[in-house]
């Protein structure tokens, strides 16, 4: 192995580890953003269900608890 080959940036183990660390951080950020999007979407859907009557909630698979919260049936 020559010195030039050992010093090329594409072969540097430090840069490879850094690239893996950046990729892992990006994956975690994407997962967190996706989780936040799902929670916001769920909150919007539950706000729409708050207007429904008890019978209509049961028709779509939900029920109103004693404290007024809406829960899925068979939970």
N, C-alpha and C. Protein backbone atom coordinates (compact mmCIF):
# COMPACT_ATOMS: atom_id res chain seq x y z
N UNK A 1 0.85 -1.16 0.00
CA UNK A 1 0.00 0.00 0.00
C UNK A 1 0.90 1.23 0.00
N UNK A 2 0.57 2.15 -0.88
CA UNK A 2 1.35 3.38 -0.96
C UNK A 2 0.79 4.42 0.00
N UNK A 3 1.60 5.43 0.25
CA UNK A 3 1.17 6.50 1.15
C UNK A 3 0.01 7.30 0.56
N UNK A 4 0.01 7.49 -0.74
CA UNK A 4 -1.06 8.25 -1.38
C UNK A 4 -2.38 7.52 -1.20
N UNK A 5 -2.40 6.21 -1.36
CA UNK A 5 -3.62 5.43 -1.19
C UNK A 5 -4.11 5.51 0.26
N UNK A 6 -3.20 5.49 1.21
CA UNK A 6 -3.58 5.51 2.62
C UNK A 6 -4.14 6.87 3.04
N UNK A 7 -3.80 7.94 2.34
CA UNK A 7 -4.21 9.27 2.74
C UNK A 7 -5.39 9.83 1.94
N UNK A 8 -5.98 9.04 1.06
CA UNK A 8 -7.11 9.55 0.30
C UNK A 8 -8.32 9.68 1.22
N UNK A 9 -9.07 10.75 1.07
CA UNK A 9 -10.20 10.98 1.97
C UNK A 9 -11.27 9.90 1.92
N UNK A 10 -11.48 9.28 0.77
CA UNK A 10 -12.52 8.26 0.67
C UNK A 10 -12.18 7.00 1.46
N UNK A 11 -10.90 6.82 1.78
CA UNK A 11 -10.49 5.62 2.50
C UNK A 11 -10.26 5.90 3.99
N UNK A 12 -10.45 7.12 4.43
CA UNK A 12 -10.19 7.48 5.81
C UNK A 12 -11.26 6.87 6.72
N UNK A 13 -10.85 6.09 7.72
CA UNK A 13 -11.84 5.50 8.62
C UNK A 13 -12.56 6.56 9.46
N UNK A 14 -11.91 7.66 9.74
CA UNK A 14 -12.55 8.73 10.52
C UNK A 14 -13.69 9.35 9.72
N UNK A 15 -13.47 9.61 8.45
CA UNK A 15 -14.51 10.18 7.62
C UNK A 15 -15.66 9.20 7.40
N UNK A 16 -15.34 7.92 7.29
CA UNK A 16 -16.39 6.92 7.13
C UNK A 16 -17.26 6.86 8.38
N UNK A 17 -16.64 6.91 9.56
CA UNK A 17 -17.40 6.93 10.81
C UNK A 17 -18.23 8.19 10.92
N UNK A 18 -17.67 9.32 10.50
CA UNK A 18 -18.39 10.58 10.54
C UNK A 18 -19.60 10.54 9.61
N UNK A 19 -19.43 9.96 8.44
CA UNK A 19 -20.54 9.85 7.49
C UNK A 19 -21.64 8.95 8.05
N UNK A 20 -21.26 7.85 8.70
CA UNK A 20 -22.26 6.97 9.32
C UNK A 20 -22.98 7.68 10.45
N UNK A 21 -22.27 8.49 11.21
CA UNK A 21 -22.88 9.24 12.30
C UNK A 21 -23.88 10.26 11.76
N UNK A 22 -23.51 10.96 10.71
CA UNK A 22 -24.41 11.94 10.09
C UNK A 22 -25.65 11.24 9.52
N UNK A 23 -25.46 10.10 8.87
CA UNK A 23 -26.59 9.35 8.31
C UNK A 23 -27.52 8.87 9.42
N UNK A 24 -26.97 8.41 10.53
CA UNK A 24 -27.79 7.95 11.65
C UNK A 24 -28.56 9.12 12.26
N UNK A 25 -27.93 10.28 12.37
CA UNK A 25 -28.61 11.46 12.91
C UNK A 25 -29.73 11.90 11.98
N UNK A 26 -29.49 11.86 10.69
CA UNK A 26 -30.54 12.21 9.72
C UNK A 26 -31.72 11.25 9.81
N UNK A 27 -31.43 9.96 9.96
CA UNK A 27 -32.49 8.97 10.08
C UNK A 27 -33.32 9.21 11.34
N UNK A 28 -32.66 9.57 12.45
CA UNK A 28 -33.39 9.85 13.68
C UNK A 28 -34.25 11.10 13.53
N UNK A 29 -33.74 12.12 12.84
CA UNK A 29 -34.52 13.34 12.62
C UNK A 29 -35.74 13.07 11.75
N UNK A 30 -35.57 12.26 10.73
CA UNK A 30 -36.70 11.91 9.86
C UNK A 30 -37.74 11.12 10.64
N UNK A 31 -37.29 10.19 11.48
CA UNK A 31 -38.22 9.40 12.28
C UNK A 31 -38.97 10.29 13.27
N UNK A 32 -38.28 11.24 13.89
CA UNK A 32 -38.92 12.15 14.84
C UNK A 32 -39.93 13.05 14.13
N UNK A 33 -39.58 13.54 12.96
CA UNK A 33 -40.51 14.39 12.20
C UNK A 33 -41.73 13.60 11.77
N UNK A 34 -41.54 12.36 11.37
CA UNK A 34 -42.65 11.51 10.97
C UNK A 34 -43.57 11.23 12.16
N UNK A 35 -42.98 10.97 13.33
CA UNK A 35 -43.75 10.73 14.54
C UNK A 35 -44.57 11.96 14.90
N UNK A 36 -43.97 13.14 14.81
CA UNK A 36 -44.67 14.38 15.09
C UNK A 36 -45.83 14.59 14.12
N UNK A 37 -45.61 14.32 12.84
CA UNK A 37 -46.66 14.46 11.83
C UNK A 37 -47.83 13.53 12.14
N UNK A 38 -47.54 12.29 12.52
CA UNK A 38 -48.60 11.33 12.82
C UNK A 38 -49.40 11.78 14.04
N UNK A 39 -48.71 12.29 15.06
CA UNK A 39 -49.41 12.75 16.27
C UNK A 39 -50.29 13.96 15.97
N UNK A 40 -49.81 14.90 15.16
CA UNK A 40 -50.62 16.05 14.81
C UNK A 40 -51.83 15.66 13.98
N UNK A 41 -51.65 14.72 13.06
CA UNK A 41 -52.75 14.23 12.24
C UNK A 41 -53.79 13.54 13.12
N UNK A 42 -53.34 12.76 14.09
CA UNK A 42 -54.25 12.07 15.00
C UNK A 42 -55.02 13.08 15.85
N UNK A 43 -54.35 14.12 16.31
CA UNK A 43 -55.02 15.15 17.11
C UNK A 43 -56.11 15.85 16.30
N UNK A 44 -55.83 16.14 15.04
CA UNK A 44 -56.83 16.78 14.18
C UNK A 44 -58.04 15.86 13.99
N UNK A 45 -57.79 14.58 13.79
CA UNK A 45 -58.89 13.63 13.61
C UNK A 45 -59.74 13.53 14.88
N UNK A 46 -59.10 13.51 16.04
CA UNK A 46 -59.84 13.41 17.29
C UNK A 46 -60.66 14.68 17.54
N UNK A 47 -60.15 15.84 17.13
CA UNK A 47 -60.92 17.08 17.28
C UNK A 47 -62.18 17.03 16.43
N UNK A 48 -62.09 16.44 15.25
CA UNK A 48 -63.27 16.30 14.40
C UNK A 48 -64.29 15.36 15.03
N UNK A 49 -63.81 14.32 15.74
CA UNK A 49 -64.72 13.35 16.35
C UNK A 49 -65.41 13.91 17.59
N UNK A 50 -64.88 14.96 18.21
CA UNK A 50 -65.48 15.51 19.42
C UNK A 50 -66.91 16.00 19.20
N UNK A 51 -67.24 16.39 17.97
CA UNK A 51 -68.58 16.90 17.67
C UNK A 51 -69.62 15.78 17.54
N UNK A 52 -69.17 14.56 17.34
CA UNK A 52 -70.10 13.47 17.08
C UNK A 52 -70.89 13.09 18.33
N UNK A 53 -72.11 12.62 18.12
CA UNK A 53 -72.92 12.12 19.23
C UNK A 53 -72.41 10.73 19.62
N UNK A 54 -72.90 10.24 20.76
CA UNK A 54 -72.47 8.92 21.24
C UNK A 54 -72.79 7.81 20.26
N UNK A 55 -73.98 7.85 19.66
CA UNK A 55 -74.37 6.80 18.71
C UNK A 55 -73.53 6.86 17.44
N UNK A 56 -73.26 8.07 16.98
CA UNK A 56 -72.46 8.19 15.76
C UNK A 56 -71.01 7.76 16.02
N UNK A 57 -70.51 8.04 17.23
CA UNK A 57 -69.16 7.58 17.57
C UNK A 57 -69.08 6.07 17.53
N UNK A 58 -70.11 5.40 18.06
CA UNK A 58 -70.12 3.93 18.03
C UNK A 58 -70.18 3.40 16.61
N UNK A 59 -70.85 4.13 15.73
CA UNK A 59 -70.94 3.72 14.32
C UNK A 59 -69.57 3.70 13.65
N UNK A 60 -68.67 4.62 14.06
CA UNK A 60 -67.35 4.68 13.44
C UNK A 60 -66.28 3.99 14.29
N UNK A 61 -66.69 3.32 15.39
CA UNK A 61 -65.75 2.50 16.16
C UNK A 61 -65.13 3.18 17.36
N UNK A 62 -65.78 4.21 17.91
CA UNK A 62 -65.27 4.90 19.08
C UNK A 62 -66.36 4.97 20.15
N UNK A 63 -65.96 5.34 21.35
CA UNK A 63 -66.91 5.55 22.43
C UNK A 63 -66.44 6.73 23.28
N UNK A 64 -67.41 7.38 23.93
CA UNK A 64 -67.09 8.50 24.81
C UNK A 64 -66.99 7.95 26.23
N UNK A 65 -65.87 8.23 26.89
CA UNK A 65 -65.65 7.78 28.26
C UNK A 65 -66.37 8.71 29.24
N UNK A 66 -66.39 8.33 30.51
CA UNK A 66 -67.10 9.09 31.53
C UNK A 66 -66.54 10.51 31.69
N UNK A 67 -65.26 10.70 31.39
CA UNK A 67 -64.65 12.02 31.53
C UNK A 67 -64.75 12.86 30.25
N UNK A 68 -65.40 12.34 29.22
CA UNK A 68 -65.58 13.07 27.98
C UNK A 68 -64.56 12.76 26.91
N UNK A 69 -63.53 12.00 27.24
CA UNK A 69 -62.53 11.66 26.24
C UNK A 69 -63.08 10.61 25.29
N UNK A 70 -62.51 10.56 24.11
CA UNK A 70 -62.95 9.62 23.09
C UNK A 70 -61.92 8.52 22.96
N UNK A 71 -62.37 7.28 23.07
CA UNK A 71 -61.49 6.12 23.01
C UNK A 71 -62.00 5.14 21.96
N UNK A 72 -61.10 4.39 21.33
CA UNK A 72 -61.56 3.35 20.40
C UNK A 72 -62.34 2.26 21.13
N UNK A 73 -63.31 1.66 20.46
CA UNK A 73 -64.03 0.55 21.05
C UNK A 73 -63.11 -0.65 21.26
N UNK A 74 -63.42 -1.50 22.21
CA UNK A 74 -62.65 -2.71 22.52
C UNK A 74 -61.22 -2.39 22.91
N UNK A 75 -61.03 -1.35 23.64
CA UNK A 75 -59.69 -1.00 24.09
C UNK A 75 -59.47 -1.41 25.51
